[in-house]
Amino acid sequence: MQPAPVKKVMTREDLEKIDIRVGTILTVSNVPKSKKLVALEIDFGDHQRTILAGLQQERQDPQEIEGKQALFVVNMAPQKMAGMVSEGMLFDIGYDDGIIPVLAQPEKPVPNGVRAG
C-alpha cells in the first residue's frame, strides 16, 4: 500500500484547537436506525459521554473493544446521527486508507481524561 500524501501544512495554533483525550470504552451497542453506527459509552474520568462510530460493518464483533482505552476528539460540536447525538469522535487508524481500522491507544494504561499532544 502506498501511503497517502501529507495534508496541507497547518500552524501550531491550528493543532492546539483539537482536544484529544484518553477514555475507556464502557459499552458498545448498535444504533437501531443505522446499519453502520454503534454507540460507545466512554468514561473520561470526570464525566461520561456517548460517541457514535461506524464500527458495525468494520468489525465482526464491535463489543470486543469494551474495556479498552482509546483516543477521542472531545471538543467537536454535538452531531445528531440516526436519531442519536454523538458528543465527539473516535480517533482510529486506517479507515481513510482502506484498511480495517484499529484503535489509537496509549501503550499502557493512563488515567481517563488525559490529553494527547
PDB file of N, CA and C in Angstrom:
ATOM      1  N   MET A   1       0.836  -1.173   0.000  1.00  0.00           N
ATOM      2  CA  MET A   1       0.000   0.000   0.000  1.00  0.00           C
ATOM      3  C   MET A   1       0.890   1.248   0.000  1.00  0.00           C
ATOM      4  N   GLN A   2       0.565   2.177  -0.852  1.00  0.00           N
ATOM      5  CA  GLN A   2       1.280   3.455  -0.920  1.00  0.00           C
ATOM      6  C   GLN A   2       0.647   4.432   0.070  1.00  0.00           C
ATOM      7  N   PRO A   3       1.435   5.027   0.989  1.00  0.00           N
ATOM      8  CA  PRO A   3       0.859   5.996   1.923  1.00  0.00           C
ATOM      9  C   PRO A   3       0.252   7.196   1.190  1.00  0.00           C
ATOM     10  N   ALA A   4      -0.796   7.763   1.775  1.00  0.00           N
ATOM     11  CA  ALA A   4      -1.446   8.953   1.213  1.00  0.00           C
ATOM     12  C   ALA A   4      -0.502  10.142   1.315  1.00  0.00           C
ATOM     13  N   PRO A   5      -0.659  11.121   0.422  1.00  0.00           N
ATOM     14  CA  PRO A   5       0.169  12.324   0.514  1.00  0.00           C
ATOM     15  C   PRO A   5      -0.079  13.051   1.840  1.00  0.00           C
ATOM     16  N   VAL A   6       0.930  13.763   2.305  1.00  0.00           N
ATOM     17  CA  VAL A   6       0.808  14.552   3.525  1.00  0.00           C
ATOM     18  C   VAL A   6      -0.159  15.706   3.260  1.00  0.00           C
ATOM     19  N   LYS A   7      -1.047  15.965   4.209  1.00  0.00           N
ATOM     20  CA  LYS A   7      -2.026  17.038   4.070  1.00  0.00           C
ATOM     21  C   LYS A   7      -1.367  18.411   4.143  1.00  0.00           C
ATOM     22  N   LYS A   8      -2.162  19.429   3.822  1.00  0.00           N
ATOM     23  CA  LYS A   8      -1.728  20.818   3.834  1.00  0.00           C
ATOM     24  C   LYS A   8      -1.108  21.185   5.189  1.00  0.00           C
ATOM     25  N   VAL A   9      -0.049  21.981   5.167  1.00  0.00           N
ATOM     26  CA  VAL A   9       0.625  22.427   6.378  1.00  0.00           C
ATOM     27  C   VAL A   9      -0.328  23.248   7.238  1.00  0.00           C
ATOM     28  N   MET A  10      -0.260  23.042   8.565  1.00  0.00           N
ATOM     29  CA  MET A  10      -1.067  23.834   9.487  1.00  0.00           C
ATOM     30  C   MET A  10      -0.148  24.423  10.545  1.00  0.00           C
ATOM     31  N   THR A  11      -0.672  25.363  11.287  1.00  0.00           N
ATOM     32  CA  THR A  11       0.114  26.012  12.326  1.00  0.00           C
ATOM     33  C   THR A  11      -0.047  25.279  13.648  1.00  0.00           C
ATOM     34  N   ARG A  12       0.844  25.576  14.580  1.00  0.00           N
ATOM     35  CA  ARG A  12       0.723  25.011  15.930  1.00  0.00           C
ATOM     36  C   ARG A  12      -0.598  25.452  16.569  1.00  0.00           C
ATOM     37  N   GLU A  13      -1.029  26.663  16.275  1.00  0.00           N
ATOM     38  CA  GLU A  13      -2.301  27.163  16.815  1.00  0.00           C
ATOM     39  C   GLU A  13      -3.474  26.319  16.304  1.00  0.00           C
ATOM     40  N   ASP A  14      -3.412  25.897  15.029  1.00  0.00           N
ATOM     41  CA  ASP A  14      -4.452  25.011  14.494  1.00  0.00           C
ATOM     42  C   ASP A  14      -4.487  23.706  15.284  1.00  0.00           C
ATOM     43  N   LEU A  15      -3.334  23.122  15.518  1.00  0.00           N
ATOM     44  CA  LEU A  15      -3.241  21.854  16.236  1.00  0.00           C
ATOM     45  C   LEU A  15      -3.745  21.989  17.668  1.00  0.00           C
ATOM     46  N   GLU A  16      -3.458  23.114  18.300  1.00  0.00           N
ATOM     47  CA  GLU A  16      -3.874  23.311  19.686  1.00  0.00           C
ATOM     48  C   GLU A  16      -5.386  23.448  19.840  1.00  0.00           C
ATOM     49  N   LYS A  17      -6.116  23.616  18.764  1.00  0.00           N
ATOM     50  CA  LYS A  17      -7.582  23.679  18.812  1.00  0.00           C
ATOM     51  C   LYS A  17      -8.205  22.301  19.020  1.00  0.00           C
ATOM     52  N   ILE A  18      -7.477  21.250  18.667  1.00  0.00           N
ATOM     53  CA  ILE A  18      -8.011  19.883  18.754  1.00  0.00           C
ATOM     54  C   ILE A  18      -7.735  19.324  20.145  1.00  0.00           C
ATOM     55  N   ASP A  19      -8.795  18.922  20.843  1.00  0.00           N
ATOM     56  CA  ASP A  19      -8.669  18.355  22.186  1.00  0.00           C
ATOM     57  C   ASP A  19      -8.850  16.839  22.082  1.00  0.00           C
ATOM     58  N   ILE A  20      -7.740  16.121  22.155  1.00  0.00           N
ATOM     59  CA  ILE A  20      -7.751  14.658  22.063  1.00  0.00           C
ATOM     60  C   ILE A  20      -7.491  14.115  23.458  1.00  0.00           C
ATOM     61  N   ARG A  21      -8.386  13.247  23.924  1.00  0.00           N
ATOM     62  CA  ARG A  21      -8.284  12.697  25.279  1.00  0.00           C
ATOM     63  C   ARG A  21      -8.397  11.177  25.266  1.00  0.00           C
ATOM     64  N   VAL A  22      -7.823  10.580  26.297  1.00  0.00           N
ATOM     65  CA  VAL A  22      -7.950   9.142  26.512  1.00  0.00           C
ATOM     66  C   VAL A  22      -9.234   8.881  27.271  1.00  0.00           C
ATOM     67  N   GLY A  23      -9.966   7.870  26.829  1.00  0.00           N
ATOM     68  CA  GLY A  23     -11.166   7.425  27.529  1.00  0.00           C
ATOM     69  C   GLY A  23     -11.262   5.918  27.476  1.00  0.00           C
ATOM     70  N   THR A  24     -11.977   5.352  28.419  1.00  0.00           N
ATOM     71  CA  THR A  24     -12.218   3.908  28.427  1.00  0.00           C
ATOM     72  C   THR A  24     -13.601   3.634  27.863  1.00  0.00           C
ATOM     73  N   ILE A  25     -13.667   2.710  26.923  1.00  0.00           N
ATOM     74  CA  ILE A  25     -14.930   2.326  26.295  1.00  0.00           C
ATOM     75  C   ILE A  25     -15.665   1.391  27.251  1.00  0.00           C
ATOM     76  N   LEU A  26     -16.757   1.890  27.812  1.00  0.00           N
ATOM     77  CA  LEU A  26     -17.527   1.105  28.784  1.00  0.00           C
ATOM     78  C   LEU A  26     -18.452   0.116  28.102  1.00  0.00           C
ATOM     79  N   THR A  27     -19.216   0.597  27.118  1.00  0.00           N
ATOM     80  CA  THR A  27     -20.154  -0.269  26.399  1.00  0.00           C
ATOM     81  C   THR A  27     -20.168   0.090  24.921  1.00  0.00           C
ATOM     82  N   VAL A  28     -20.522  -0.893  24.110  1.00  0.00           N
ATOM     83  CA  VAL A  28     -20.700  -0.716  22.667  1.00  0.00           C
ATOM     84  C   VAL A  28     -22.058  -1.314  22.325  1.00  0.00           C
ATOM     85  N   SER A  29     -22.938  -0.497  21.735  1.00  0.00           N
ATOM     86  CA  SER A  29     -24.257  -1.015  21.359  1.00  0.00           C
ATOM     87  C   SER A  29     -24.639  -0.503  19.975  1.00  0.00           C
ATOM     88  N   ASN A  30     -25.350  -1.322  19.228  1.00  0.00           N
ATOM     89  CA  ASN A  30     -25.795  -0.929  17.893  1.00  0.00           C
ATOM     90  C   ASN A  30     -26.789   0.221  17.981  1.00  0.00           C
ATOM     91  N   VAL A  31     -26.714   1.133  17.015  1.00  0.00           N
ATOM     92  CA  VAL A  31     -27.671   2.217  16.904  1.00  0.00           C
ATOM     93  C   VAL A  31     -28.849   1.673  16.084  1.00  0.00           C
ATOM     94  N   PRO A  32     -30.060   1.639  16.656  1.00  0.00           N
ATOM     95  CA  PRO A  32     -31.190   0.985  15.998  1.00  0.00           C
ATOM     96  C   PRO A  32     -31.494   1.456  14.582  1.00  0.00           C
ATOM     97  N   LYS A  33     -31.341   2.732  14.287  1.00  0.00           N
ATOM     98  CA  LYS A  33     -31.701   3.262  12.971  1.00  0.00           C
ATOM     99  C   LYS A  33     -30.526   3.272  11.990  1.00  0.00           C
ATOM    100  N   SER A  34     -29.482   2.489  12.265  1.00  0.00           N
ATOM    101  CA  SER A  34     -28.295   2.512  11.411  1.00  0.00           C
ATOM    102  C   SER A  34     -27.735   1.106  11.210  1.00  0.00           C
ATOM    103  N   LYS A  35     -27.208   0.870  10.011  1.00  0.00           N
ATOM    104  CA  LYS A  35     -26.527  -0.394   9.721  1.00  0.00           C
ATOM    105  C   LYS A  35     -25.021  -0.272   9.924  1.00  0.00           C
ATOM    106  N   LYS A  36     -24.529   0.952  10.200  1.00  0.00           N
ATOM    107  CA  LYS A  36     -23.100   1.198  10.366  1.00  0.00           C
ATOM    108  C   LYS A  36     -22.706   1.608  11.773  1.00  0.00           C
ATOM    109  N   LEU A  37     -23.539   2.444  12.398  1.00  0.00           N
ATOM    110  CA  LEU A  37     -23.138   3.093  13.646  1.00  0.00           C
ATOM    111  C   LEU A  37     -23.318   2.221  14.883  1.00  0.00           C
ATOM    112  N   VAL A  38     -22.385   2.401  15.822  1.00  0.00           N
ATOM    113  CA  VAL A  38     -22.532   1.880  17.171  1.00  0.00           C
ATOM    114  C   VAL A  38     -22.409   3.066  18.129  1.00  0.00           C
ATOM    115  N   ALA A  39     -23.030   2.940  19.285  1.00  0.00           N
ATOM    116  CA  ALA A  39     -22.932   3.955  20.329  1.00  0.00           C
ATOM    117  C   ALA A  39     -21.911   3.477  21.346  1.00  0.00           C
ATOM    118  N   LEU A  40     -20.875   4.271  21.546  1.00  0.00           N
ATOM    119  CA  LEU A  40     -19.846   3.974  22.531  1.00  0.00           C
ATOM    120  C   LEU A  40     -20.111   4.823  23.771  1.00  0.00           C
ATOM    121  N   GLU A  41     -20.207   4.210  24.931  1.00  0.00           N
ATOM    122  CA  GLU A  41     -20.284   4.957  26.192  1.00  0.00           C
ATOM    123  C   GLU A  41     -18.856   5.030  26.707  1.00  0.00           C
ATOM    124  N   ILE A  42     -18.359   6.257  26.861  1.00  0.00           N
ATOM    125  CA  ILE A  42     -16.957   6.475  27.173  1.00  0.00           C
ATOM    126  C   ILE A  42     -16.815   7.128  28.545  1.00  0.00           C
ATOM    127  N   ASP A  43     -15.872   6.620  29.348  1.00  0.00           N
ATOM    128  CA  ASP A  43     -15.525   7.214  30.639  1.00  0.00           C
ATOM    129  C   ASP A  43     -14.300   8.092  30.448  1.00  0.00           C
ATOM    130  N   PHE A  44     -14.456   9.402  30.700  1.00  0.00           N
ATOM    131  CA  PHE A  44     -13.350  10.352  30.606  1.00  0.00           C
ATOM    132  C   PHE A  44     -12.862  10.798  31.979  1.00  0.00           C
ATOM    133  N   GLY A  45     -13.126  10.014  32.997  1.00  0.00           N
ATOM    134  CA  GLY A  45     -12.637  10.321  34.335  1.00  0.00           C
ATOM    135  C   GLY A  45     -13.589  11.188  35.121  1.00  0.00           C
ATOM    136  N   ASP A  46     -13.821  12.419  34.668  1.00  0.00           N
ATOM    137  CA  ASP A  46     -14.720  13.323  35.381  1.00  0.00           C
ATOM    138  C   ASP A  46     -16.127  13.332  34.797  1.00  0.00           C
ATOM    139  N   HIS A  47     -16.330  12.652  33.674  1.00  0.00           N
ATOM    140  CA  HIS A  47     -17.657  12.565  33.064  1.00  0.00           C
ATOM    141  C   HIS A  47     -17.678  11.420  32.049  1.00  0.00           C
ATOM    142  N   GLN A  48     -18.898  11.060  31.655  1.00  0.00           N
ATOM    143  CA  GLN A  48     -19.091  10.072  30.595  1.00  0.00           C
ATOM    144  C   GLN A  48     -19.846  10.743  29.465  1.00  0.00           C
ATOM    145  N   ARG A  49     -19.642  10.222  28.258  1.00  0.00           N
ATOM    146  CA  ARG A  49     -20.412  10.734  27.119  1.00  0.00           C
ATOM    147  C   ARG A  49     -20.572   9.635  26.086  1.00  0.00           C
ATOM    148  N   THR A  50     -21.519   9.870  25.177  1.00  0.00           N
ATOM    149  CA  THR A  50     -21.795   8.937  24.087  1.00  0.00           C
ATOM    150  C   THR A  50     -21.124   9.460  22.822  1.00  0.00           C
ATOM    151  N   ILE A  51     -20.387   8.577  22.173  1.00  0.00           N
ATOM    152  CA  ILE A  51     -19.760   8.906  20.892  1.00  0.00           C
ATOM    153  C   ILE A  51     -20.158   7.815  19.899  1.00  0.00           C
ATOM    154  N   LEU A  52     -20.686   8.237  18.748  1.00  0.00           N
ATOM    155  CA  LEU A  52     -21.080   7.290  17.711  1.00  0.00           C
ATOM    156  C   LEU A  52     -19.914   7.054  16.762  1.00  0.00           C
ATOM    157  N   ALA A  53     -19.775   5.807  16.340  1.00  0.00           N
ATOM    158  CA  ALA A  53     -18.698   5.441  15.418  1.00  0.00           C
ATOM    159  C   ALA A  53     -19.217   4.378  14.451  1.00  0.00           C
ATOM    160  N   GLY A  54     -18.728   4.403  13.221  1.00  0.00           N
ATOM    161  CA  GLY A  54     -19.179   3.468  12.189  1.00  0.00           C
ATOM    162  C   GLY A  54     -18.464   2.135  12.241  1.00  0.00           C
ATOM    163  N   LEU A  55     -18.677   1.374  13.310  1.00  0.00           N
ATOM    164  CA  LEU A  55     -17.935   0.122  13.505  1.00  0.00           C
ATOM    165  C   LEU A  55     -18.725  -1.144  13.186  1.00  0.00           C
ATOM    166  N   GLN A  56     -20.038  -1.042  12.966  1.00  0.00           N
ATOM    167  CA  GLN A  56     -20.842  -2.262  12.801  1.00  0.00           C
ATOM    168  C   GLN A  56     -20.334  -3.159  11.681  1.00  0.00           C
ATOM    169  N   GLN A  57     -19.956  -2.571  10.557  1.00  0.00           N
ATOM    170  CA  GLN A  57     -19.528  -3.378   9.417  1.00  0.00           C
ATOM    171  C   GLN A  57     -18.014  -3.485   9.317  1.00  0.00           C
ATOM    172  N   GLU A  58     -17.294  -2.814  10.217  1.00  0.00           N
ATOM    173  CA  GLU A  58     -15.834  -2.857  10.187  1.00  0.00           C
ATOM    174  C   GLU A  58     -15.271  -3.971  11.060  1.00  0.00           C
ATOM    175  N   ARG A  59     -16.034  -4.419  12.017  1.00  0.00           N
ATOM    176  CA  ARG A  59     -15.578  -5.433  12.965  1.00  0.00           C
ATOM    177  C   ARG A  59     -16.602  -6.553  13.052  1.00  0.00           C
ATOM    178  N   GLN A  60     -16.129  -7.761  13.154  1.00  0.00           N
ATOM    179  CA  GLN A  60     -17.031  -8.893  13.307  1.00  0.00           C
ATOM    180  C   GLN A  60     -17.774  -8.795  14.640  1.00  0.00           C
ATOM    181  N   ASP A  61     -17.080  -8.336  15.675  1.00  0.00           N
ATOM    182  CA  ASP A  61     -17.671  -8.196  16.996  1.00  0.00           C
ATOM    183  C   ASP A  61     -17.278  -6.839  17.582  1.00  0.00           C
ATOM    184  N   PRO A  62     -18.070  -5.780  17.335  1.00  0.00           N
ATOM    185  CA  PRO A  62     -17.721  -4.457  17.857  1.00  0.00           C
ATOM    186  C   PRO A  62     -17.566  -4.419  19.381  1.00  0.00           C
ATOM    187  N   GLN A  63     -18.244  -5.320  20.101  1.00  0.00           N
ATOM    188  CA  GLN A  63     -18.149  -5.330  21.558  1.00  0.00           C
ATOM    189  C   GLN A  63     -16.756  -5.752  22.054  1.00  0.00           C
ATOM    190  N   GLU A  64     -15.899  -6.260  21.159  1.00  0.00           N
ATOM    191  CA  GLU A  64     -14.562  -6.682  21.576  1.00  0.00           C
ATOM    192  C   GLU A  64     -13.707  -5.515  22.088  1.00  0.00           C
ATOM    193  N   ILE A  65     -14.120  -4.275  21.814  1.00  0.00           N
ATOM    194  CA  ILE A  65     -13.337  -3.125  22.272  1.00  0.00           C
ATOM    195  C   ILE A  65     -13.811  -2.590  23.628  1.00  0.00           C
ATOM    196  N   GLU A  66     -14.850  -3.196  24.196  1.00  0.00           N
ATOM    197  CA  GLU A  66     -15.299  -2.779  25.526  1.00  0.00           C
ATOM    198  C   GLU A  66     -14.167  -2.990  26.527  1.00  0.00           C
ATOM    199  N   GLY A  67     -13.988  -2.009  27.404  1.00  0.00           N
ATOM    200  CA  GLY A  67     -12.944  -2.090  28.420  1.00  0.00           C
ATOM    201  C   GLY A  67     -11.594  -1.565  27.968  1.00  0.00           C
ATOM    202  N   LYS A  68     -11.458  -1.232  26.683  1.00  0.00           N
ATOM    203  CA  LYS A  68     -10.183  -0.737  26.164  1.00  0.00           C
ATOM    204  C   LYS A  68     -10.128   0.786  26.230  1.00  0.00           C
ATOM    205  N   GLN A  69      -8.933   1.295  26.411  1.00  0.00           N
ATOM    206  CA  GLN A  69      -8.714   2.731  26.317  1.00  0.00           C
ATOM    207  C   GLN A  69      -8.426   3.083  24.866  1.00  0.00           C
ATOM    208  N   ALA A  70      -8.834   4.278  24.478  1.00  0.00           N
ATOM    209  CA  ALA A  70      -8.586   4.759  23.117  1.00  0.00           C
ATOM    210  C   ALA A  70      -8.546   6.281  23.151  1.00  0.00           C
ATOM    211  N   LEU A  71      -8.190   6.867  22.006  1.00  0.00           N
ATOM    212  CA  LEU A  71      -8.139   8.321  21.871  1.00  0.00           C
ATOM    213  C   LEU A  71      -9.424   8.824  21.217  1.00  0.00           C
ATOM    214  N   PHE A  72      -9.901   9.972  21.705  1.00  0.00           N
ATOM    215  CA  PHE A  72     -11.137  10.575  21.213  1.00  0.00           C
ATOM    216  C   PHE A  72     -10.957  12.084  21.073  1.00  0.00           C
ATOM    217  N   VAL A  73     -11.548  12.654  20.012  1.00  0.00           N
ATOM    218  CA  VAL A  73     -11.623  14.103  19.882  1.00  0.00           C
ATOM    219  C   VAL A  73     -12.873  14.514  20.659  1.00  0.00           C
ATOM    220  N   VAL A  74     -12.688  15.375  21.685  1.00  0.00           N
ATOM    221  CA  VAL A  74     -13.798  15.676  22.589  1.00  0.00           C
ATOM    222  C   VAL A  74     -14.358  17.085  22.451  1.00  0.00           C
ATOM    223  N   ASN A  75     -13.758  17.922  21.607  1.00  0.00           N
ATOM    224  CA  ASN A  75     -14.270  19.298  21.508  1.00  0.00           C
ATOM    225  C   ASN A  75     -14.946  19.588  20.169  1.00  0.00           C
ATOM    226  N   MET A  76     -15.577  18.577  19.606  1.00  0.00           N
ATOM    227  CA  MET A  76     -16.384  18.775  18.402  1.00  0.00           C
ATOM    228  C   MET A  76     -17.811  19.129  18.826  1.00  0.00           C
ATOM    229  N   ALA A  77     -18.498  19.886  17.987  1.00  0.00           N
ATOM    230  CA  ALA A  77     -19.898  20.196  18.257  1.00  0.00           C
ATOM    231  C   ALA A  77     -20.709  18.900  18.238  1.00  0.00           C
ATOM    232  N   PRO A  78     -21.657  18.729  19.165  1.00  0.00           N
ATOM    233  CA  PRO A  78     -22.510  17.535  19.135  1.00  0.00           C
ATOM    234  C   PRO A  78     -23.190  17.416  17.773  1.00  0.00           C
ATOM    235  N   GLN A  79     -23.290  16.180  17.283  1.00  0.00           N
ATOM    236  CA  GLN A  79     -23.881  15.945  15.969  1.00  0.00           C
ATOM    237  C   GLN A  79     -24.925  14.843  16.065  1.00  0.00           C
ATOM    238  N   LYS A  80     -26.105  15.123  15.529  1.00  0.00           N
ATOM    239  CA  LYS A  80     -27.180  14.137  15.530  1.00  0.00           C
ATOM    240  C   LYS A  80     -27.024  13.219  14.320  1.00  0.00           C
ATOM    241  N   MET A  81     -27.024  11.921  14.590  1.00  0.00           N
ATOM    242  CA  MET A  81     -26.915  10.909  13.537  1.00  0.00           C
ATOM    243  C   MET A  81     -27.849   9.758  13.886  1.00  0.00           C
ATOM    244  N   ALA A  82     -28.652   9.341  12.927  1.00  0.00           N
ATOM    245  CA  ALA A  82     -29.557   8.203  13.084  1.00  0.00           C
ATOM    246  C   ALA A  82     -30.384   8.305  14.366  1.00  0.00           C
ATOM    247  N   GLY A  83     -30.812   9.510  14.698  1.00  0.00           N
ATOM    248  CA  GLY A  83     -31.676   9.710  15.845  1.00  0.00           C
ATOM    249  C   GLY A  83     -30.964   9.815  17.189  1.00  0.00           C
ATOM    250  N   MET A  84     -29.637   9.748  17.204  1.00  0.00           N
ATOM    251  CA  MET A  84     -28.866   9.877  18.446  1.00  0.00           C
ATOM    252  C   MET A  84     -27.867  11.024  18.288  1.00  0.00           C
ATOM    253  N   VAL A  85     -27.351  11.507  19.412  1.00  0.00           N
ATOM    254  CA  VAL A  85     -26.369  12.588  19.386  1.00  0.00           C
ATOM    255  C   VAL A  85     -24.991  12.031  19.735  1.00  0.00           C
ATOM    256  N   SER A  86     -24.017  12.363  18.897  1.00  0.00           N
ATOM    257  CA  SER A  86     -22.623  11.994  19.142  1.00  0.00           C
ATOM    258  C   SER A  86     -21.917  13.203  19.742  1.00  0.00           C
ATOM    259  N   GLU A  87     -21.182  12.970  20.843  1.00  0.00           N
ATOM    260  CA  GLU A  87     -20.520  14.045  21.568  1.00  0.00           C
ATOM    261  C   GLU A  87     -18.999  13.997  21.394  1.00  0.00           C
ATOM    262  N   GLY A  88     -18.536  13.669  20.194  1.00  0.00           N
ATOM    263  CA  GLY A  88     -17.105  13.595  19.922  1.00  0.00           C
ATOM    264  C   GLY A  88     -16.834  12.645  18.775  1.00  0.00           C
ATOM    265  N   MET A  89     -15.573  12.236  18.656  1.00  0.00           N
ATOM    266  CA  MET A  89     -15.179  11.352  17.567  1.00  0.00           C
ATOM    267  C   MET A  89     -14.105  10.376  18.044  1.00  0.00           C
ATOM    268  N   LEU A  90     -14.292   9.110  17.712  1.00  0.00           N
ATOM    269  CA  LEU A  90     -13.269   8.098  17.954  1.00  0.00           C
ATOM    270  C   LEU A  90     -12.095   8.380  17.034  1.00  0.00           C
ATOM    271  N   PHE A  91     -10.906   8.370  17.573  1.00  0.00           N
ATOM    272  CA  PHE A  91      -9.690   8.621  16.804  1.00  0.00           C
ATOM    273  C   PHE A  91      -9.109   7.253  16.474  1.00  0.00           C
ATOM    274  N   ASP A  92      -9.458   6.710  15.284  1.00  0.00           N
ATOM    275  CA  ASP A  92      -8.932   5.393  14.921  1.00  0.00           C
ATOM    276  C   ASP A  92      -7.957   5.504  13.760  1.00  0.00           C
ATOM    277  N   ILE A  93      -7.366   4.399  13.408  1.00  0.00           N
ATOM    278  CA  ILE A  93      -6.297   4.366  12.410  1.00  0.00           C
ATOM    279  C   ILE A  93      -6.685   3.422  11.277  1.00  0.00           C
ATOM    280  N   GLY A  94      -6.584   3.898  10.031  1.00  0.00           N
ATOM    281  CA  GLY A  94      -6.723   3.016   8.888  1.00  0.00           C
ATOM    282  C   GLY A  94      -7.910   3.219   7.987  1.00  0.00           C
ATOM    283  N   TYR A  95      -9.026   3.735   8.502  1.00  0.00           N
ATOM    284  CA  TYR A  95     -10.244   3.820   7.703  1.00  0.00           C
ATOM    285  C   TYR A  95     -10.029   4.590   6.403  1.00  0.00           C
ATOM    286  N   ASP A  96      -9.447   5.782   6.481  1.00  0.00           N
ATOM    287  CA  ASP A  96      -9.254   6.608   5.284  1.00  0.00           C
ATOM    288  C   ASP A  96      -8.304   5.973   4.267  1.00  0.00           C
ATOM    289  N   ASP A  97      -7.521   5.004   4.700  1.00  0.00           N
ATOM    290  CA  ASP A  97      -6.591   4.326   3.801  1.00  0.00           C
ATOM    291  C   ASP A  97      -7.108   2.972   3.325  1.00  0.00           C
ATOM    292  N   GLY A  98      -8.367   2.679   3.643  1.00  0.00           N
ATOM    293  CA  GLY A  98      -8.998   1.479   3.111  1.00  0.00           C
ATOM    294  C   GLY A  98      -8.605   0.189   3.806  1.00  0.00           C
ATOM    295  N   ILE A  99      -8.071   0.278   5.023  1.00  0.00           N
ATOM    296  CA  ILE A  99      -7.793  -0.949   5.771  1.00  0.00           C
ATOM    297  C   ILE A  99      -8.753  -1.032   6.946  1.00  0.00           C
ATOM    298  N   ILE A 100      -8.896  -2.212   7.507  1.00  0.00           N
ATOM    299  CA  ILE A 100      -9.779  -2.380   8.665  1.00  0.00           C
ATOM    300  C   ILE A 100      -9.209  -1.542   9.805  1.00  0.00           C
ATOM    301  N   PRO A 101      -9.980  -0.587  10.309  1.00  0.00           N
ATOM    302  CA  PRO A 101      -9.469   0.318  11.341  1.00  0.00           C
ATOM    303  C   PRO A 101      -9.104  -0.383  12.639  1.00  0.00           C
ATOM    304  N   VAL A 102      -8.132   0.202  13.315  1.00  0.00           N
ATOM    305  CA  VAL A 102      -7.733  -0.223  14.649  1.00  0.00           C
ATOM    306  C   VAL A 102      -7.802   0.997  15.560  1.00  0.00           C
ATOM    307  N   LEU A 103      -7.921   0.767  16.847  1.00  0.00           N
ATOM    308  CA  LEU A 103      -7.982   1.863  17.807  1.00  0.00           C
ATOM    309  C   LEU A 103      -6.626   2.539  17.947  1.00  0.00           C
ATOM    310  N   ALA A 104      -6.624   3.844  18.103  1.00  0.00           N
ATOM    311  CA  ALA A 104      -5.433   4.576  18.517  1.00  0.00           C
ATOM    312  C   ALA A 104      -5.442   4.520  20.040  1.00  0.00           C
ATOM    313  N   GLN A 105      -4.433   3.871  20.619  1.00  0.00           N
ATOM    314  CA  GLN A 105      -4.423   3.599  22.052  1.00  0.00           C
ATOM    315  C   GLN A 105      -3.114   4.007  22.698  1.00  0.00           C
ATOM    316  N   PRO A 106      -3.175   4.330  24.020  1.00  0.00           N
ATOM    317  CA  PRO A 106      -1.926   4.532  24.748  1.00  0.00           C
ATOM    318  C   PRO A 106      -1.207   3.185  24.890  1.00  0.00           C
ATOM    319  N   GLU A 107       0.120   3.212  24.972  1.00  0.00           N
ATOM    320  CA  GLU A 107       0.886   1.965  25.057  1.00  0.00           C
ATOM    321  C   GLU A 107       0.712   1.243  26.380  1.00  0.00           C
ATOM    322  N   LYS A 108       0.313   1.970  27.429  1.00  0.00           N
ATOM    323  CA  LYS A 108      -0.003   1.372  28.725  1.00  0.00           C
ATOM    324  C   LYS A 108      -1.137   2.172  29.336  1.00  0.00           C
ATOM    325  N   PRO A 109      -1.849   1.618  30.320  1.00  0.00           N
ATOM    326  CA  PRO A 109      -2.983   2.343  30.912  1.00  0.00           C
ATOM    327  C   PRO A 109      -2.563   3.693  31.497  1.00  0.00           C
ATOM    328  N   VAL A 110      -3.389   4.693  31.261  1.00  0.00           N
ATOM    329  CA  VAL A 110      -3.212   6.036  31.814  1.00  0.00           C
ATOM    330  C   VAL A 110      -4.562   6.476  32.373  1.00  0.00           C
ATOM    331  N   PRO A 111      -4.596   7.507  33.212  1.00  0.00           N
ATOM    332  CA  PRO A 111      -5.891   7.959  33.742  1.00  0.00           C
ATOM    333  C   PRO A 111      -6.810   8.448  32.619  1.00  0.00           C
ATOM    334  N   ASN A 112      -8.085   8.104  32.724  1.00  0.00           N
ATOM    335  CA  ASN A 112      -9.068   8.610  31.765  1.00  0.00           C
ATOM    336  C   ASN A 112      -9.095  10.120  31.815  1.00  0.00           C
ATOM    337  N   GLY A 113      -9.235  10.745  30.649  1.00  0.00           N
ATOM    338  CA  GLY A 113      -9.290  12.192  30.562  1.00  0.00           C
ATOM    339  C   GLY A 113      -7.953  12.840  30.256  1.00  0.00           C
ATOM    340  N   VAL A 114      -6.858  12.054  30.283  1.00  0.00           N
ATOM    341  CA  VAL A 114      -5.527  12.599  29.979  1.00  0.00           C
ATOM    342  C   VAL A 114      -5.512  13.078  28.530  1.00  0.00           C
ATOM    343  N   ARG A 115      -4.891  14.240  28.309  1.00  0.00           N
ATOM    344  CA  ARG A 115      -4.815  14.818  26.974  1.00  0.00           C
ATOM    345  C   ARG A 115      -3.658  14.240  26.160  1.00  0.00           C
ATOM    346  N   ALA A 116      -3.880  14.110  24.864  1.00  0.00           N
ATOM    347  CA  ALA A 116      -2.817  13.725  23.929  1.00  0.00           C
ATOM    348  C   ALA A 116      -2.259  14.991  23.326  1.00  0.00           C
ATOM    349  N   GLY A 117      -0.974  14.959  23.021  1.00  0.00           N
ATOM    350  CA  GLY A 117      -0.407  16.128  22.342  1.00  0.00           C
ATOM    351  C   GLY A 117       0.880  16.606  22.958  1.00  0.00           C
TER     352      GLY A 117
END
